Amino acid sequence: MKLTDLFHRADTITPDDAGKMISDKGDEIMLVDVREPNEYEKEHMPGAVLMPMSVFPERMKELDPSKKIVTY
């Protein structure tokens, strides 16, 4: 499986849109923070999984293909 197999082109959403999506269908969404650990520690969205871009290819098997994946 390639990284591109997991993603489909999506429109950019606002933080407010993401918050509404999570509150409405949080159990159907996997929220992934792709920033570095020091940025995540300063602030992150509740429930977000830290998966920095620097290690994303090695960790992409942790993504749940049954859920809509929202990255930031």
PDB file of N, CA and C in Angstrom:
ATOM      1  N   MET A   1       0.836  -1.172   0.000  1.00  0.00           N
ATOM      2  CA  MET A   1       0.000   0.000   0.000  1.00  0.00           C
ATOM      3  C   MET A   1       0.882   1.238   0.000  1.00  0.00           C
ATOM      4  N   LYS A   2       0.520   2.180  -0.838  1.00  0.00           N
ATOM      5  CA  LYS A   2       1.243   3.437  -0.905  1.00  0.00           C
ATOM      6  C   LYS A   2       0.491   4.506  -0.120  1.00  0.00           C
ATOM      7  N   LEU A   3       1.203   5.502   0.306  1.00  0.00           N
ATOM      8  CA  LEU A   3       0.612   6.605   1.048  1.00  0.00           C
ATOM      9  C   LEU A   3      -0.534   7.227   0.261  1.00  0.00           C
ATOM     10  N   THR A   4      -0.366   7.385  -1.027  1.00  0.00           N
ATOM     11  CA  THR A   4      -1.404   8.014  -1.842  1.00  0.00           C
ATOM     12  C   THR A   4      -2.665   7.165  -1.950  1.00  0.00           C
ATOM     13  N   ASP A   5      -2.596   5.889  -1.650  1.00  0.00           N
ATOM     14  CA  ASP A   5      -3.784   5.032  -1.675  1.00  0.00           C
ATOM     15  C   ASP A   5      -4.756   5.376  -0.547  1.00  0.00           C
ATOM     16  N   LEU A   6      -4.274   5.995   0.506  1.00  0.00           N
ATOM     17  CA  LEU A   6      -5.108   6.290   1.667  1.00  0.00           C
ATOM     18  C   LEU A   6      -5.829   7.628   1.581  1.00  0.00           C
ATOM     19  N   PHE A   7      -5.420   8.461   0.652  1.00  0.00           N
ATOM     20  CA  PHE A   7      -5.959   9.810   0.605  1.00  0.00           C
ATOM     21  C   PHE A   7      -6.645  10.087  -0.721  1.00  0.00           C
ATOM     22  N   HIS A   8      -7.641  10.907  -0.631  1.00  0.00           N
ATOM     23  CA  HIS A   8      -8.353  11.398  -1.793  1.00  0.00           C
ATOM     24  C   HIS A   8      -8.334  12.912  -1.719  1.00  0.00           C
ATOM     25  N   ARG A   9      -8.321  13.538  -2.861  1.00  0.00           N
ATOM     26  CA  ARG A   9      -8.317  15.002  -2.866  1.00  0.00           C
ATOM     27  C   ARG A   9      -9.538  15.505  -2.097  1.00  0.00           C
ATOM     28  N   ALA A  10      -9.301  16.422  -1.217  1.00  0.00           N
ATOM     29  CA  ALA A  10     -10.389  16.962  -0.393  1.00  0.00           C
ATOM     30  C   ALA A  10     -10.294  18.470  -0.353  1.00  0.00           C
ATOM     31  N   ASP A  11     -11.417  19.079  -0.145  1.00  0.00           N
ATOM     32  CA  ASP A  11     -11.427  20.528   0.025  1.00  0.00           C
ATOM     33  C   ASP A  11     -10.814  20.867   1.370  1.00  0.00           C
ATOM     34  N   THR A  12     -10.236  22.041   1.451  1.00  0.00           N
ATOM     35  CA  THR A  12      -9.732  22.549   2.721  1.00  0.00           C
ATOM     36  C   THR A  12     -10.934  22.951   3.567  1.00  0.00           C
ATOM     37  N   ILE A  13     -10.868  22.622   4.837  1.00  0.00           N
ATOM     38  CA  ILE A  13     -11.951  23.015   5.734  1.00  0.00           C
ATOM     39  C   ILE A  13     -11.398  23.953   6.801  1.00  0.00           C
ATOM     40  N   THR A  14     -12.266  24.754   7.338  1.00  0.00           N
ATOM     41  CA  THR A  14     -11.862  25.693   8.385  1.00  0.00           C
ATOM     42  C   THR A  14     -11.813  24.965   9.727  1.00  0.00           C
ATOM     43  N   PRO A  15     -11.130  25.543  10.709  1.00  0.00           N
ATOM     44  CA  PRO A  15     -11.146  24.944  12.046  1.00  0.00           C
ATOM     45  C   PRO A  15     -12.570  24.811  12.596  1.00  0.00           C
ATOM     46  N   ASP A  16     -13.420  25.775  12.310  1.00  0.00           N
ATOM     47  CA  ASP A  16     -14.808  25.690  12.771  1.00  0.00           C
ATOM     48  C   ASP A  16     -15.529  24.512  12.122  1.00  0.00           C
ATOM     49  N   ASP A  17     -15.297  24.322  10.812  1.00  0.00           N
ATOM     50  CA  ASP A  17     -15.902  23.184  10.110  1.00  0.00           C
ATOM     51  C   ASP A  17     -15.401  21.866  10.699  1.00  0.00           C
ATOM     52  N   ALA A  18     -14.104  21.799  10.976  1.00  0.00           N
ATOM     53  CA  ALA A  18     -13.538  20.576  11.559  1.00  0.00           C
ATOM     54  C   ALA A  18     -14.145  20.316  12.930  1.00  0.00           C
ATOM     55  N   GLY A  19     -14.287  21.351  13.735  1.00  0.00           N
ATOM     56  CA  GLY A  19     -14.881  21.193  15.059  1.00  0.00           C
ATOM     57  C   GLY A  19     -16.305  20.686  14.987  1.00  0.00           C
ATOM     58  N   LYS A  20     -17.084  21.220  14.047  1.00  0.00           N
ATOM     59  CA  LYS A  20     -18.463  20.774  13.878  1.00  0.00           C
ATOM     60  C   LYS A  20     -18.499  19.316  13.416  1.00  0.00           C
ATOM     61  N   MET A  21     -17.626  18.970  12.471  1.00  0.00           N
ATOM     62  CA  MET A  21     -17.564  17.598  11.972  1.00  0.00           C
ATOM     63  C   MET A  21     -17.236  16.634  13.115  1.00  0.00           C
ATOM     64  N   ILE A  22     -16.299  17.007  13.941  1.00  0.00           N
ATOM     65  CA  ILE A  22     -15.886  16.154  15.052  1.00  0.00           C
ATOM     66  C   ILE A  22     -16.993  16.029  16.088  1.00  0.00           C
ATOM     67  N   SER A  23     -17.678  17.141  16.375  1.00  0.00           N
ATOM     68  CA  SER A  23     -18.751  17.057  17.372  1.00  0.00           C
ATOM     69  C   SER A  23     -19.943  16.273  16.852  1.00  0.00           C
ATOM     70  N   ASP A  24     -20.189  16.335  15.551  1.00  0.00           N
ATOM     71  CA  ASP A  24     -21.319  15.611  14.955  1.00  0.00           C
ATOM     72  C   ASP A  24     -21.027  14.131  14.726  1.00  0.00           C
ATOM     73  N   LYS A  25     -19.803  13.828  14.284  1.00  0.00           N
ATOM     74  CA  LYS A  25     -19.475  12.455  13.885  1.00  0.00           C
ATOM     75  C   LYS A  25     -18.101  12.047  14.382  1.00  0.00           C
ATOM     76  N   GLY A  26     -17.765  12.414  15.605  1.00  0.00           N
ATOM     77  CA  GLY A  26     -16.445  12.168  16.151  1.00  0.00           C
ATOM     78  C   GLY A  26     -15.994  10.718  16.125  1.00  0.00           C
ATOM     79  N   ASP A  27     -16.936   9.781  16.296  1.00  0.00           N
ATOM     80  CA  ASP A  27     -16.560   8.369  16.305  1.00  0.00           C
ATOM     81  C   ASP A  27     -16.280   7.835  14.903  1.00  0.00           C
ATOM     82  N   GLU A  28     -16.590   8.627  13.869  1.00  0.00           N
ATOM     83  CA  GLU A  28     -16.345   8.216  12.486  1.00  0.00           C
ATOM     84  C   GLU A  28     -15.109   8.885  11.913  1.00  0.00           C
ATOM     85  N   ILE A  29     -14.407   9.656  12.748  1.00  0.00           N
ATOM     86  CA  ILE A  29     -13.273  10.460  12.283  1.00  0.00           C
ATOM     87  C   ILE A  29     -12.016  10.104  13.066  1.00  0.00           C
ATOM     88  N   MET A  30     -10.893  10.046  12.352  1.00  0.00           N
ATOM     89  CA  MET A  30      -9.588   9.915  12.997  1.00  0.00           C
ATOM     90  C   MET A  30      -8.871  11.245  12.770  1.00  0.00           C
ATOM     91  N   LEU A  31      -8.599  11.942  13.846  1.00  0.00           N
ATOM     92  CA  LEU A  31      -7.953  13.244  13.796  1.00  0.00           C
ATOM     93  C   LEU A  31      -6.448  13.055  13.966  1.00  0.00           C
ATOM     94  N   VAL A  32      -5.675  13.493  12.979  1.00  0.00           N
ATOM     95  CA  VAL A  32      -4.228  13.270  12.981  1.00  0.00           C
ATOM     96  C   VAL A  32      -3.495  14.608  12.912  1.00  0.00           C
ATOM     97  N   ASP A  33      -2.678  14.849  13.908  1.00  0.00           N
ATOM     98  CA  ASP A  33      -1.842  16.049  13.975  1.00  0.00           C
ATOM     99  C   ASP A  33      -0.491  15.686  13.362  1.00  0.00           C
ATOM    100  N   VAL A  34      -0.149  16.330  12.234  1.00  0.00           N
ATOM    101  CA  VAL A  34       1.082  15.972  11.523  1.00  0.00           C
ATOM    102  C   VAL A  34       2.243  16.920  11.827  1.00  0.00           C
ATOM    103  N   ARG A  35       2.061  17.746  12.858  1.00  0.00           N
ATOM    104  CA  ARG A  35       3.136  18.656  13.237  1.00  0.00           C
ATOM    105  C   ARG A  35       4.171  17.919  14.084  1.00  0.00           C
ATOM    106  N   GLU A  36       5.193  18.616  14.460  1.00  0.00           N
ATOM    107  CA  GLU A  36       6.252  18.025  15.276  1.00  0.00           C
ATOM    108  C   GLU A  36       5.839  18.011  16.754  1.00  0.00           C
ATOM    109  N   PRO A  37       6.457  17.137  17.560  1.00  0.00           N
ATOM    110  CA  PRO A  37       6.060  16.987  18.965  1.00  0.00           C
ATOM    111  C   PRO A  37       6.023  18.280  19.768  1.00  0.00           C
ATOM    112  N   ASN A  38       6.987  19.177  19.563  1.00  0.00           N
ATOM    113  CA  ASN A  38       6.978  20.421  20.350  1.00  0.00           C
ATOM    114  C   ASN A  38       5.756  21.274  20.020  1.00  0.00           C
ATOM    115  N   GLU A  39       5.282  21.241  18.779  1.00  0.00           N
ATOM    116  CA  GLU A  39       4.077  21.987  18.408  1.00  0.00           C
ATOM    117  C   GLU A  39       2.843  21.324  19.008  1.00  0.00           C
ATOM    118  N   TYR A  40       2.803  20.003  18.981  1.00  0.00           N
ATOM    119  CA  TYR A  40       1.687  19.239  19.542  1.00  0.00           C
ATOM    120  C   TYR A  40       1.572  19.493  21.041  1.00  0.00           C
ATOM    121  N   GLU A  41       2.719  19.526  21.731  1.00  0.00           N
ATOM    122  CA  GLU A  41       2.715  19.731  23.183  1.00  0.00           C
ATOM    123  C   GLU A  41       2.178  21.110  23.560  1.00  0.00           C
ATOM    124  N   LYS A  42       2.432  22.106  22.731  1.00  0.00           N
ATOM    125  CA  LYS A  42       1.949  23.463  23.021  1.00  0.00           C
ATOM    126  C   LYS A  42       0.428  23.521  22.944  1.00  0.00           C
ATOM    127  N   GLU A  43      -0.135  22.870  21.931  1.00  0.00           N
ATOM    128  CA  GLU A  43      -1.584  22.876  21.750  1.00  0.00           C
ATOM    129  C   GLU A  43      -1.962  21.884  20.660  1.00  0.00           C
ATOM    130  N   HIS A  44      -3.033  21.162  20.903  1.00  0.00           N
ATOM    131  CA  HIS A  44      -3.565  20.252  19.891  1.00  0.00           C
ATOM    132  C   HIS A  44      -5.056  20.045  20.140  1.00  0.00           C
ATOM    133  N   MET A  45      -5.725  19.542  19.143  1.00  0.00           N
ATOM    134  CA  MET A  45      -7.155  19.298  19.271  1.00  0.00           C
ATOM    135  C   MET A  45      -7.370  18.049  20.123  1.00  0.00           C
ATOM    136  N   PRO A  46      -8.352  18.071  20.999  1.00  0.00           N
ATOM    137  CA  PRO A  46      -8.622  16.891  21.835  1.00  0.00           C
ATOM    138  C   PRO A  46      -8.887  15.656  20.977  1.00  0.00           C
ATOM    139  N   GLY A  47      -8.263  14.566  21.357  1.00  0.00           N
ATOM    140  CA  GLY A  47      -8.443  13.304  20.642  1.00  0.00           C
ATOM    141  C   GLY A  47      -7.516  13.111  19.461  1.00  0.00           C
ATOM    142  N   ALA A  48      -6.710  14.128  19.151  1.00  0.00           N
ATOM    143  CA  ALA A  48      -5.807  14.021  18.006  1.00  0.00           C
ATOM    144  C   ALA A  48      -4.668  13.050  18.294  1.00  0.00           C
ATOM    145  N   VAL A  49      -4.287  12.327  17.258  1.00  0.00           N
ATOM    146  CA  VAL A  49      -3.155  11.409  17.331  1.00  0.00           C
ATOM    147  C   VAL A  49      -1.960  12.132  16.715  1.00  0.00           C
ATOM    148  N   LEU A  50      -0.838  12.151  17.416  1.00  0.00           N
ATOM    149  CA  LEU A  50       0.367  12.780  16.886  1.00  0.00           C
ATOM    150  C   LEU A  50       1.056  11.811  15.930  1.00  0.00           C
ATOM    151  N   MET A  51       1.219  12.267  14.684  1.00  0.00           N
ATOM    152  CA  MET A  51       1.887  11.464  13.670  1.00  0.00           C
ATOM    153  C   MET A  51       2.654  12.444  12.762  1.00  0.00           C
ATOM    154  N   PRO A  52       3.815  12.927  13.231  1.00  0.00           N
ATOM    155  CA  PRO A  52       4.553  13.949  12.490  1.00  0.00           C
ATOM    156  C   PRO A  52       4.866  13.522  11.054  1.00  0.00           C
ATOM    157  N   MET A  53       4.871  14.490  10.162  1.00  0.00           N
ATOM    158  CA  MET A  53       5.183  14.202   8.762  1.00  0.00           C
ATOM    159  C   MET A  53       6.545  13.533   8.620  1.00  0.00           C
ATOM    160  N   SER A  54       7.449  13.821   9.531  1.00  0.00           N
ATOM    161  CA  SER A  54       8.795  13.243   9.447  1.00  0.00           C
ATOM    162  C   SER A  54       8.790  11.717   9.618  1.00  0.00           C
ATOM    163  N   VAL A  55       7.737  11.170  10.238  1.00  0.00           N
ATOM    164  CA  VAL A  55       7.639   9.713  10.421  1.00  0.00           C
ATOM    165  C   VAL A  55       6.344   9.141   9.844  1.00  0.00           C
ATOM    166  N   PHE A  56       5.592   9.992   9.170  1.00  0.00           N
ATOM    167  CA  PHE A  56       4.280   9.595   8.670  1.00  0.00           C
ATOM    168  C   PHE A  56       4.325   8.349   7.780  1.00  0.00           C
ATOM    169  N   PRO A  57       5.224   8.270   6.816  1.00  0.00           N
ATOM    170  CA  PRO A  57       5.241   7.076   5.957  1.00  0.00           C
ATOM    171  C   PRO A  57       5.423   5.766   6.739  1.00  0.00           C
ATOM    172  N   GLU A  58       6.243   5.792   7.782  1.00  0.00           N
ATOM    173  CA  GLU A  58       6.460   4.589   8.582  1.00  0.00           C
ATOM    174  C   GLU A  58       5.256   4.248   9.458  1.00  0.00           C
ATOM    175  N   ARG A  59       4.444   5.240   9.802  1.00  0.00           N
ATOM    176  CA  ARG A  59       3.326   5.035  10.724  1.00  0.00           C
ATOM    177  C   ARG A  59       1.961   4.986  10.049  1.00  0.00           C
ATOM    178  N   MET A  60       1.916   5.129   8.723  1.00  0.00           N
ATOM    179  CA  MET A  60       0.616   5.216   8.067  1.00  0.00           C
ATOM    180  C   MET A  60      -0.228   3.954   8.228  1.00  0.00           C
ATOM    181  N   LYS A  61       0.400   2.845   8.580  1.00  0.00           N
ATOM    182  CA  LYS A  61      -0.370   1.612   8.822  1.00  0.00           C
ATOM    183  C   LYS A  61      -1.263   1.747  10.066  1.00  0.00           C
ATOM    184  N   GLU A  62      -1.011   2.771  10.882  1.00  0.00           N
ATOM    185  CA  GLU A  62      -1.830   3.029  12.066  1.00  0.00           C
ATOM    186  C   GLU A  62      -3.134   3.762  11.740  1.00  0.00           C
ATOM    187  N   LEU A  63      -3.256   4.270  10.517  1.00  0.00           N
ATOM    188  CA  LEU A  63      -4.471   4.972  10.118  1.00  0.00           C
ATOM    189  C   LEU A  63      -5.607   3.967   9.977  1.00  0.00           C
ATOM    190  N   ASP A  64      -6.768   4.368  10.406  1.00  0.00           N
ATOM    191  CA  ASP A  64      -7.945   3.500  10.348  1.00  0.00           C
ATOM    192  C   ASP A  64      -8.697   3.778   9.049  1.00  0.00           C
ATOM    193  N   PRO A  65      -8.596   2.880   8.067  1.00  0.00           N
ATOM    194  CA  PRO A  65      -9.232   3.124   6.769  1.00  0.00           C
ATOM    195  C   PRO A  65     -10.760   3.139   6.828  1.00  0.00           C
ATOM    196  N   SER A  66     -11.335   2.710   7.930  1.00  0.00           N
ATOM    197  CA  SER A  66     -12.790   2.728   8.049  1.00  0.00           C
ATOM    198  C   SER A  66     -13.306   4.100   8.497  1.00  0.00           C
ATOM    199  N   LYS A  67     -12.378   4.992   8.848  1.00  0.00           N
ATOM    200  CA  LYS A  67     -12.769   6.319   9.322  1.00  0.00           C
ATOM    201  C   LYS A  67     -12.336   7.386   8.331  1.00  0.00           C
ATOM    202  N   LYS A  68     -13.017   8.530   8.384  1.00  0.00           N
ATOM    203  CA  LYS A  68     -12.593   9.698   7.624  1.00  0.00           C
ATOM    204  C   LYS A  68     -11.398  10.270   8.369  1.00  0.00           C
ATOM    205  N   ILE A  69     -10.303  10.485   7.657  1.00  0.00           N
ATOM    206  CA  ILE A  69      -9.078  10.962   8.293  1.00  0.00           C
ATOM    207  C   ILE A  69      -8.964  12.459   8.053  1.00  0.00           C
ATOM    208  N   VAL A  70      -8.853  13.194   9.159  1.00  0.00           N
ATOM    209  CA  VAL A  70      -8.699  14.635   9.113  1.00  0.00           C
ATOM    210  C   VAL A  70      -7.305  14.949   9.641  1.00  0.00           C
ATOM    211  N   THR A  71      -6.489  15.588   8.815  1.00  0.00           N
ATOM    212  CA  THR A  71      -5.128  15.925   9.232  1.00  0.00           C
ATOM    213  C   THR A  71      -4.986  17.439   9.357  1.00  0.00           C
ATOM    214  N   TYR A  72      -4.102  17.815  10.257  1.00  0.00           N
ATOM    215  CA  TYR A  72      -3.764  19.241  10.370  1.00  0.00           C
ATOM    216  C   TYR A  72      -2.347  19.375  10.855  1.00  0.00           C
TER     217      TYR A  72
END
